[in-house]
Amino acid sequence: MSSKKTGSQSKHIVLTSHPSRFGPKPLAIQWGEADPLVRGPIVGTLTNAAQRNVIGSHSGAYGVYRALAVASGQLQSNHRADLTNTSPAAFLGPHPAWADPEKIVSLDPFGAIVGEVYKSLYEEGYDIRPTIAITKAHINMPELQEAAAKGRLKIDGTIMKANGDLVVTKAAIEPVWYLPGLAKRLAVSESALRRALFEQTGGMFPELVTRPDLHVFLPPIGGMTVYIVGDVAAITDPHRELAVRIHDECNGSDVFGSDICTCRPYLVHGIEGCVQTAQAGGAGIIAYFRKEGRALGEVTKFLVYNARKRQEGGDRADAYFARTECVAGVQDMRFQEFMPDVLHWLGITRIDRLISMSNMKFDAITQSGITVVERVPIPDDLIPADAQVEMEAKKAAGYYTEGLVPTEAVLAEVKGRSLSD
C-alpha cells in the first residue's frame, strides 16, 4: 500500500481526511482491548488518507511546526519515519490497566512499542508512529549536589554519580485522547465534548463533528515527561516502596528560578524524595506535565502577576484566586481527572509517598483506584518569601491537606476491606 500522495490529495487531507467512499476502510480502534492487534494501531498519517483512523495528527503542540517545515520546503510532506534502532531503552508493561478502557483515556498504552506489536502492519505500508519514546539519561541539578553534600542523598555510583549526575529512565508521552472516555470523566456527552473542541479550536478539526465513527483524537497540546529513578521493576513490586511527584510545568520557576511560587523548590524536593526511596531499594517517579500556569498559559499567568501586584494593598492571599478569575475566567484548567492515566500506564496501584499537598491531585489519584499511603508536604524552609501569598491563598481555599493519610484507611484499602467493617 503506497504512502505517497499528490499535492492535491494532501490538501484534501487537511480539510477533511475522509477516505474515498469506495476505498478501503481504515483499521478500527477497539479501545481497551488487551491484544494490541485487536485494539488496532493509532494511525494519524498525513501521507495516506485511507489509513487514517484518528482525528488530528502526531507531535502534539509541535504539529504546526511540521506544517511550517513543509510550507518552507524543508520537509517533504510524504516523509515516513525510519524507526530503525528507536525501540524503548526499557520496556514497561503491559499492565492490567492497559486493557481497562476506564483507567486510561488520554494516552496510548501501546504508544512506545508500535514498532514491535505492529511490525507486520508497518511492513504492509501503514504509517504508524510512536506516541511514546523511552530512553536512559542523566540529569544534574545543583540542589541535588547540595543535598548529597549535606548527607541527605548518597553518592552510590549507580543512582547518583560522583559528579552529582542522577541516572534516570525517562519517557516522553504525546496525548492520545479516547473521546468517549474523556467525556465520561468530565460527566458530559461525547457530542457536547466534540462540539466544544471543534468550536474552541476555531474549527481546526472538522472531523470532530463530521466523523462520529472516529473516536480517537490527537490534540495539538503539550504532553508529559516521566522520569523514573531506580529499578523500573520496583514500580509494580508490592514489597518495594514507591515515591511519586506529579508536577505541572512552571517555566519561570522550574527553569529560571522565579521566587513568586514554590514550583522549583517542590520539584527538587520531589526529586530528592524519589532518589531517597530508590536508594532504599524502591523507585521514584516524577511525572512532569506541560500545563503552564495551571494550563491557563504563560501570557495569562504574567497578566495575573501584574494584576496581583498592582491592586490596592499589593499582593494579597484573599485576592489571589479572584485576580486569576478576572483575567482567565476560571481558576484552574489542568483537569487532574486525566492525570492518573500515566500512573496506570506505569502499572502503579500503590504510592507510598505522594510528594504533594494538592487535594485535586490526591483526589484524582485515589478516586482512580490507586492507594496513597503518605502525603509529603514541602518543608517551610523551602518556601520562597514571595511565595507565601500563594501558599496562604491555597491553604485558605482548601487546596491543601497536610499530614498523613489515616493508617486505618490505608490498611483497609490495601487489604480490600470496607472501611465500615
Protein backbone atom coordinates (compact mmCIF):
# COMPACT_ATOMS: atom_id res chain seq x y z
CA MET A 1 0.00 0.00 0.00
CA SER A 2 1.66 3.20 -1.12
CA SER A 3 2.16 6.01 1.38
CA LYS A 4 2.66 8.69 -1.30
CA LYS A 5 0.04 11.25 -2.22
CA THR A 6 -0.16 14.04 -4.74
CA GLY A 7 -0.25 17.70 -3.77
CA SER A 8 -3.99 17.99 -4.41
CA GLN A 9 -4.68 14.94 -2.26
CA SER A 10 -2.57 16.36 0.56
CA LYS A 11 -4.76 19.49 0.55
CA HIS A 12 -7.82 17.27 0.72
CA ILE A 13 -6.41 15.57 3.84
CA VAL A 14 -6.00 18.89 5.61
CA LEU A 15 -9.64 19.77 5.01
CA THR A 16 -11.45 16.58 5.90
CA SER A 17 -9.19 13.49 5.99
CA HIS A 18 -12.11 11.43 4.65
CA PRO A 19 -11.12 8.26 2.80
CA SER A 20 -12.74 7.65 -0.57
CA ARG A 21 -16.32 6.47 -0.27
CA PHE A 22 -15.43 3.36 -2.25
CA GLY A 23 -11.90 2.95 -0.86
CA PRO A 24 -10.75 0.68 1.97
CA LYS A 25 -11.97 1.48 5.47
CA PRO A 26 -9.27 2.41 8.00
CA LEU A 27 -8.30 -0.10 10.67
CA ALA A 28 -10.78 0.04 13.53
CA ILE A 29 -9.72 1.02 17.04
CA GLN A 30 -11.26 -1.06 19.82
CA TRP A 31 -10.13 0.97 22.84
CA GLY A 32 -9.34 -1.08 25.93
CA GLU A 33 -8.56 -4.37 24.17
CA ALA A 34 -5.58 -6.20 25.70
CA ASP A 35 -4.26 -7.51 22.38
CA PRO A 36 -2.71 -4.55 20.51
CA LEU A 37 -3.62 -6.04 17.13
CA VAL A 38 -7.25 -6.33 18.22
CA ARG A 39 -7.14 -2.86 19.75
CA GLY A 40 -5.71 -1.52 16.49
CA PRO A 41 -2.88 0.95 15.87
CA ILE A 42 -3.16 4.72 16.16
CA VAL A 43 -2.74 5.89 12.56
CA GLY A 44 -2.58 9.67 12.28
CA THR A 45 -0.71 9.69 8.99
CA LEU A 46 -0.93 12.72 6.72
CA THR A 47 0.51 10.83 3.76
CA ASN A 48 -2.32 8.37 3.17
CA ALA A 49 -5.88 9.49 3.91
CA ALA A 50 -7.31 5.98 3.63
CA GLN A 51 -5.18 4.77 6.54
CA ARG A 52 -6.15 7.49 8.99
CA ASN A 53 -8.29 6.23 11.85
CA VAL A 54 -7.95 9.20 14.23
CA ILE A 55 -8.68 12.92 14.26
CA GLY A 56 -5.73 15.30 14.37
CA SER A 57 -2.08 14.47 13.85
CA HIS A 58 1.02 13.34 15.70
CA SER A 59 3.52 15.60 17.51
CA GLY A 60 1.06 17.37 19.78
CA ALA A 61 1.89 21.06 20.16
CA TYR A 62 4.69 20.71 17.61
CA GLY A 63 2.42 19.65 14.74
CA VAL A 64 2.13 23.22 13.45
CA TYR A 65 5.92 23.42 13.11
CA ARG A 66 5.71 20.43 10.80
CA ALA A 67 3.35 22.45 8.61
CA LEU A 68 5.85 25.31 8.55
CA ALA A 69 8.64 22.92 7.57
CA VAL A 70 6.52 21.56 4.72
CA ALA A 71 5.47 25.03 3.59
CA SER A 72 9.06 26.27 3.55
CA GLY A 73 10.26 23.23 1.61
CA GLN A 74 12.48 21.92 4.40
CA LEU A 75 10.38 18.78 4.88
CA GLN A 76 8.81 16.53 2.28
CA SER A 77 5.12 16.14 3.10
CA ASN A 78 5.26 12.39 2.39
CA HIS A 79 8.24 11.70 4.66
CA ARG A 80 7.84 8.42 6.53
CA ALA A 81 9.78 7.94 9.76
CA ASP A 82 12.61 5.37 9.76
CA LEU A 83 12.21 3.73 13.17
CA THR A 84 15.42 1.66 13.00
CA ASN A 85 17.04 1.42 16.46
CA THR A 86 14.41 3.65 18.07
CA SER A 87 12.88 0.95 20.29
CA PRO A 88 12.50 1.70 24.02
CA ALA A 89 15.64 1.62 26.19
CA ALA A 90 13.45 -0.01 28.85
CA PHE A 91 10.21 -1.91 28.33
CA LEU A 92 7.27 -1.13 30.61
CA GLY A 93 4.19 -3.31 30.84
CA PRO A 94 1.84 -4.47 29.64
CA HIS A 95 -0.15 -3.96 32.83
CA PRO A 96 -3.81 -4.83 33.60
CA ALA A 97 -4.84 -1.17 33.29
CA TRP A 98 -3.82 -1.20 29.62
CA ALA A 99 -6.86 -3.38 28.96
CA ASP A 100 -9.25 -1.27 31.02
CA PRO A 101 -10.94 1.44 28.88
CA GLU A 102 -11.87 3.33 32.07
CA LYS A 103 -8.33 3.52 33.51
CA ILE A 104 -6.54 5.05 30.52
CA VAL A 105 -8.25 7.53 28.19
CA SER A 106 -5.65 10.23 27.48
CA LEU A 107 -2.64 8.31 26.16
CA ASP A 108 -1.95 5.20 24.09
CA PRO A 109 -0.58 2.47 26.38
CA PHE A 110 0.98 0.74 23.36
CA GLY A 111 2.49 4.01 22.14
CA ALA A 112 6.11 3.06 22.94
CA ILE A 113 6.06 -0.37 21.32
CA VAL A 114 4.31 0.20 17.99
CA GLY A 115 7.45 -0.90 16.16
CA GLU A 116 7.22 -4.28 17.86
CA VAL A 117 3.49 -5.02 18.11
CA TYR A 118 2.54 -3.54 14.73
CA LYS A 119 5.62 -4.62 12.77
CA SER A 120 3.59 -6.57 10.22
CA LEU A 121 1.29 -3.63 9.53
CA TYR A 122 4.24 -1.27 9.24
CA GLU A 123 5.80 -3.59 6.67
CA GLU A 124 2.50 -3.56 4.75
CA GLY A 125 2.88 0.20 4.35
CA TYR A 126 0.90 1.56 7.29
CA ASP A 127 2.44 4.79 8.56
CA ILE A 128 2.28 4.00 12.28
CA ARG A 129 4.24 6.30 14.56
CA PRO A 130 5.14 6.03 18.25
CA THR A 131 3.44 8.41 20.65
CA ILE A 132 5.79 7.42 23.50
CA ALA A 133 9.58 7.21 23.50
CA ILE A 134 11.61 5.75 26.36
CA THR A 135 15.32 6.35 26.85
CA LYS A 136 18.06 6.45 29.50
CA ALA A 137 19.62 9.70 30.64
CA HIS A 138 21.49 11.65 33.30
CA ILE A 139 20.11 14.79 34.94
CA ASN A 140 22.05 17.19 37.13
CA MET A 141 20.68 19.91 39.41
CA PRO A 142 22.82 21.92 41.82
CA GLU A 143 20.30 21.43 44.63
CA LEU A 144 20.84 17.65 44.44
CA GLN A 145 24.59 18.12 44.78
CA GLU A 146 23.90 20.24 47.85
CA ALA A 147 21.65 17.50 49.26
CA ALA A 148 24.48 15.00 48.76
CA ALA A 149 26.98 17.32 50.42
CA LYS A 150 24.67 17.62 53.44
CA GLY A 151 24.22 13.83 53.61
CA ARG A 152 20.53 13.63 52.61
CA LEU A 153 21.46 11.80 49.41
CA LYS A 154 24.18 9.22 48.86
CA ILE A 155 26.74 9.14 46.09
CA ASP A 156 26.27 5.45 45.36
CA GLY A 157 27.79 5.33 41.87
CA THR A 158 24.65 3.71 40.46
CA ILE A 159 21.70 6.00 41.04
CA MET A 160 23.77 9.07 41.82
CA LYS A 161 27.23 9.51 40.34
CA ALA A 162 30.23 11.20 41.95
CA ASN A 163 29.74 14.34 39.84
CA GLY A 164 26.12 14.67 41.01
CA ASP A 165 24.58 13.14 37.89
CA LEU A 166 21.32 11.34 38.60
CA VAL A 167 20.71 8.26 36.44
CA VAL A 168 17.13 8.03 35.19
CA THR A 169 14.87 6.28 32.74
CA LYS A 170 12.64 8.82 31.03
CA ALA A 171 9.61 8.65 28.78
CA ALA A 172 8.17 11.37 26.55
CA ILE A 173 4.43 10.94 26.02
CA GLU A 174 2.20 12.62 23.45
CA PRO A 175 -1.52 12.94 24.22
CA VAL A 176 -3.90 10.45 22.62
CA TRP A 177 -7.48 11.12 23.64
CA TYR A 178 -10.21 8.49 23.58
CA LEU A 179 -13.18 10.84 23.34
CA PRO A 180 -15.88 8.61 24.89
CA GLY A 181 -13.61 8.05 27.89
CA LEU A 182 -12.80 11.75 28.26
CA ALA A 183 -16.47 12.64 28.08
CA LYS A 184 -17.30 10.14 30.80
CA ARG A 185 -14.58 11.53 33.08
CA LEU A 186 -15.97 15.03 32.60
CA ALA A 187 -19.58 13.85 33.02
CA VAL A 188 -20.63 15.32 29.66
CA SER A 189 -21.93 13.77 26.47
CA GLU A 190 -19.41 12.85 23.79
CA SER A 191 -21.28 15.01 21.28
CA ALA A 192 -21.05 18.05 23.59
CA LEU A 193 -17.34 17.45 24.08
CA ARG A 194 -16.71 17.08 20.35
CA ARG A 195 -18.70 20.23 19.57
CA ALA A 196 -16.77 22.27 22.18
CA LEU A 197 -13.41 21.00 20.91
CA PHE A 198 -14.41 21.89 17.34
CA GLU A 199 -15.67 25.36 18.21
CA GLN A 200 -12.97 26.33 20.71
CA THR A 201 -10.17 25.45 18.27
CA GLY A 202 -11.74 27.71 15.65
CA GLY A 203 -12.97 24.77 13.59
CA MET A 204 -9.44 23.40 13.21
CA PHE A 205 -10.64 19.79 13.26
CA PRO A 206 -13.97 19.42 11.39
CA GLU A 207 -13.82 15.63 11.80
CA LEU A 208 -14.82 16.18 15.41
CA VAL A 209 -18.34 16.90 14.17
CA THR A 210 -18.32 15.21 10.75
CA ARG A 211 -16.77 11.84 11.65
CA PRO A 212 -18.61 10.31 14.61
CA ASP A 213 -17.06 6.98 13.61
CA LEU A 214 -13.61 8.23 14.70
CA HIS A 215 -13.35 8.23 18.48
CA VAL A 216 -9.64 8.97 19.00
CA PHE A 217 -8.19 12.48 18.85
CA LEU A 218 -4.54 13.58 18.72
CA PRO A 219 -4.85 17.09 20.19
CA PRO A 220 -2.37 19.90 19.42
CA ILE A 221 -1.26 20.30 23.04
CA GLY A 222 1.82 19.55 25.11
CA GLY A 223 2.26 16.10 26.58
CA MET A 224 4.35 14.99 29.53
CA THR A 225 7.70 13.56 30.51
CA VAL A 226 8.12 10.80 33.09
CA TYR A 227 11.40 10.45 34.99
CA ILE A 228 11.95 7.12 36.73
CA VAL A 229 14.63 6.89 39.40
CA GLY A 230 15.85 3.44 40.44
CA ASP A 231 14.85 -0.02 39.29
CA VAL A 232 11.88 0.09 36.90
CA ALA A 233 10.74 -3.31 38.23
CA ALA A 234 10.26 -1.76 41.69
CA ILE A 235 7.32 0.32 40.42
CA THR A 236 4.96 -2.66 40.48
CA ASP A 237 6.66 -4.72 43.22
CA PRO A 238 4.35 -4.67 46.29
CA HIS A 239 7.34 -5.35 48.56
CA ARG A 240 9.25 -2.23 47.46
CA GLU A 241 8.32 1.37 48.13
CA LEU A 242 7.39 4.00 45.57
CA ALA A 243 7.62 7.79 45.76
CA VAL A 244 5.79 9.99 43.23
CA ARG A 245 5.82 13.68 42.43
CA ILE A 246 3.17 14.96 40.00
CA HIS A 247 4.44 18.30 38.69
CA ASP A 248 2.77 20.77 36.36
CA GLU A 249 5.15 22.87 34.31
CA CYS A 250 6.25 26.28 35.59
CA ASN A 251 8.90 27.64 33.24
CA GLY A 252 9.57 30.76 35.31
CA SER A 253 10.38 28.81 38.46
CA ASP A 254 11.45 25.37 37.20
CA VAL A 255 13.99 26.78 34.72
CA PHE A 256 14.63 30.41 35.65
CA GLY A 257 14.23 30.32 39.42
CA SER A 258 11.40 32.82 39.93
CA ASP A 259 10.56 33.06 43.62
CA ILE A 260 6.87 34.01 43.36
CA CYS A 261 5.88 30.33 43.64
CA THR A 262 7.15 27.07 45.12
CA CYS A 263 7.39 25.16 41.85
CA ARG A 264 11.14 24.58 41.52
CA PRO A 265 11.66 24.05 45.27
CA TYR A 266 8.85 21.49 45.30
CA LEU A 267 10.16 19.84 42.14
CA VAL A 268 13.63 19.50 43.68
CA HIS A 269 12.09 18.29 46.96
CA GLY A 270 10.16 15.70 44.95
CA ILE A 271 13.24 14.51 43.06
CA GLU A 272 15.14 14.24 46.34
CA GLY A 273 12.37 12.10 47.81
CA CYS A 274 12.41 9.89 44.72
CA VAL A 275 16.17 9.43 44.99
CA GLN A 276 15.98 8.57 48.68
CA THR A 277 13.28 5.98 48.02
CA ALA A 278 15.22 4.49 45.11
CA GLN A 279 18.42 4.31 47.15
CA ALA A 280 16.47 2.44 49.83
CA GLY A 281 15.58 -0.23 47.26
CA GLY A 282 12.38 1.19 45.80
CA ALA A 283 11.72 3.59 42.95
CA GLY A 284 10.76 7.18 42.40
CA ILE A 285 8.69 8.82 39.65
CA ILE A 286 8.45 12.43 38.54
CA ALA A 287 5.54 12.96 36.14
CA TYR A 288 6.08 16.36 34.50
CA PHE A 289 3.03 17.73 32.68
CA ARG A 290 3.13 20.57 30.13
CA LYS A 291 0.38 22.60 31.79
CA GLU A 292 1.95 26.02 32.20
CA GLY A 293 0.16 28.38 34.56
CA ARG A 294 -2.43 25.78 35.62
CA ALA A 295 -2.99 25.20 31.89
CA LEU A 296 -4.05 28.84 31.52
CA GLY A 297 -0.82 29.64 29.72
CA GLU A 298 2.18 31.83 30.47
CA VAL A 299 0.70 35.03 29.00
CA THR A 300 -2.32 34.73 31.28
CA LYS A 301 -0.08 33.90 34.21
CA PHE A 302 2.04 37.02 33.75
CA LEU A 303 -1.05 39.19 33.34
CA VAL A 304 -2.31 37.83 36.65
CA TYR A 305 1.06 38.57 38.27
CA ASN A 306 0.70 42.20 37.20
CA ALA A 307 -2.88 42.41 38.45
CA ARG A 308 -1.98 40.90 41.82
CA LYS A 309 0.96 43.23 42.41
CA ARG A 310 -0.81 46.42 41.26
CA GLN A 311 -4.05 46.03 43.18
CA GLU A 312 -4.75 48.18 46.24
CA GLY A 313 -2.84 46.77 49.16
CA GLY A 314 -0.45 44.83 46.95
CA ASP A 315 -0.31 41.08 46.52
CA ARG A 316 -2.78 39.50 48.96
CA ALA A 317 -3.84 35.95 49.68
CA ASP A 318 -7.52 36.91 49.89
CA ALA A 319 -7.47 38.20 46.27
CA TYR A 320 -5.17 35.55 44.80
CA PHE A 321 -7.79 33.44 43.01
CA ALA A 322 -10.11 36.37 42.29
CA ARG A 323 -7.42 38.09 40.22
CA THR A 324 -6.87 34.88 38.26
CA GLU A 325 -10.58 34.55 37.52
CA CYS A 326 -10.81 38.19 36.44
CA VAL A 327 -8.26 37.56 33.71
CA ALA A 328 -8.86 33.91 32.77
CA GLY A 329 -12.49 33.40 33.80
CA VAL A 330 -11.52 30.29 35.77
CA GLN A 331 -9.02 29.42 38.49
CA ASP A 332 -7.56 26.26 37.01
CA MET A 333 -7.86 24.29 33.76
CA ARG A 334 -5.49 21.37 34.42
CA PHE A 335 -8.27 18.78 34.70
CA GLN A 336 -6.47 16.47 37.08
CA GLU A 337 -9.11 13.82 36.28
CA PHE A 338 -6.89 12.70 33.39
CA MET A 339 -3.56 12.88 35.24
CA PRO A 340 -3.68 9.36 36.82
CA ASP A 341 -3.67 7.74 33.37
CA VAL A 342 0.12 7.84 33.25
CA LEU A 343 0.29 6.18 36.67
CA HIS A 344 -1.94 3.37 35.42
CA TRP A 345 0.24 3.09 32.31
CA LEU A 346 3.19 2.51 34.64
CA GLY A 347 1.24 -0.20 36.47
CA ILE A 348 1.01 1.69 39.75
CA THR A 349 -1.54 0.50 42.30
CA ARG A 350 0.04 1.98 45.45
CA ILE A 351 2.07 5.12 46.16
CA ASP A 352 3.94 5.05 49.45
CA ARG A 353 4.91 8.72 49.35
CA LEU A 354 2.99 11.22 47.27
CA ILE A 355 5.14 14.34 47.37
CA SER A 356 2.31 16.85 47.09
CA MET A 357 -0.21 18.69 49.24
CA SER A 358 -2.69 19.26 46.42
CA ASN A 359 -6.13 17.89 47.19
CA MET A 360 -7.01 17.93 43.48
CA LYS A 361 -4.10 15.63 42.65
CA PHE A 362 -4.69 13.40 45.67
CA ASP A 363 -8.41 13.07 44.96
CA ALA A 364 -7.83 12.28 41.27
CA ILE A 365 -5.28 9.59 42.11
CA THR A 366 -7.23 7.88 44.88
CA GLN A 367 -10.55 8.07 43.04
CA SER A 368 -8.90 6.28 40.12
CA GLY A 369 -8.21 3.31 42.41
CA ILE A 370 -4.60 3.97 43.48
CA THR A 371 -3.82 3.83 47.20
CA VAL A 372 -1.76 6.65 48.72
CA VAL A 373 -0.02 5.79 51.98
CA GLU A 374 1.59 9.13 52.88
CA ARG A 375 1.42 12.71 51.61
CA VAL A 376 4.64 14.69 51.87
CA PRO A 377 4.39 18.50 52.12
CA ILE A 378 7.12 20.93 51.16
CA PRO A 379 9.21 21.96 54.20
CA ASP A 380 8.62 25.54 55.33
CA ASP A 381 12.27 26.45 54.85
CA LEU A 382 12.00 25.70 51.12
CA ILE A 383 9.18 28.18 50.52
CA PRO A 384 10.49 31.45 49.00
CA ALA A 385 9.41 34.65 50.72
CA ASP A 386 7.44 35.91 47.71
CA ALA A 387 5.60 32.57 47.50
CA GLN A 388 3.98 32.92 50.92
CA VAL A 389 0.95 34.70 49.40
CA GLU A 390 0.34 31.77 47.08
CA MET A 391 0.71 29.24 49.90
CA GLU A 392 -1.67 31.10 52.22
CA ALA A 393 -4.23 31.57 49.44
CA LYS A 394 -4.21 27.88 48.57
CA LYS A 395 -4.47 26.80 52.19
CA ALA A 396 -7.41 29.17 52.76
CA ALA A 397 -9.14 27.82 49.66
CA GLY A 398 -8.80 24.22 50.84
CA TYR A 399 -6.21 23.48 48.19
CA TYR A 400 -4.00 21.59 50.61
CA THR A 401 -4.36 19.00 53.34
CA GLU A 402 -1.27 18.45 55.42
CA GLY A 403 -0.20 15.30 57.19
CA LEU A 404 -0.63 11.61 56.55
CA VAL A 405 -3.48 9.60 55.18
CA PRO A 406 -5.04 7.75 58.18
CA THR A 407 -3.25 4.44 58.59
CA GLU A 408 -6.51 2.55 59.18
CA ALA A 409 -7.90 3.73 55.86
CA VAL A 410 -4.75 2.76 54.01
CA LEU A 411 -4.62 -0.70 55.55
CA ALA A 412 -8.27 -1.25 54.73
CA GLU A 413 -7.72 -0.27 51.10
CA VAL A 414 -4.63 -2.44 50.78
CA LYS A 415 -6.44 -5.44 52.22
CA GLY A 416 -9.52 -4.76 50.11
CA ARG A 417 -11.82 -4.42 53.11
CA SER A 418 -14.65 -1.95 53.52
CA LEU A 419 -13.82 0.93 55.87
CA SER A 420 -17.12 0.28 57.66
CA ASP A 421 -16.15 -3.29 58.65
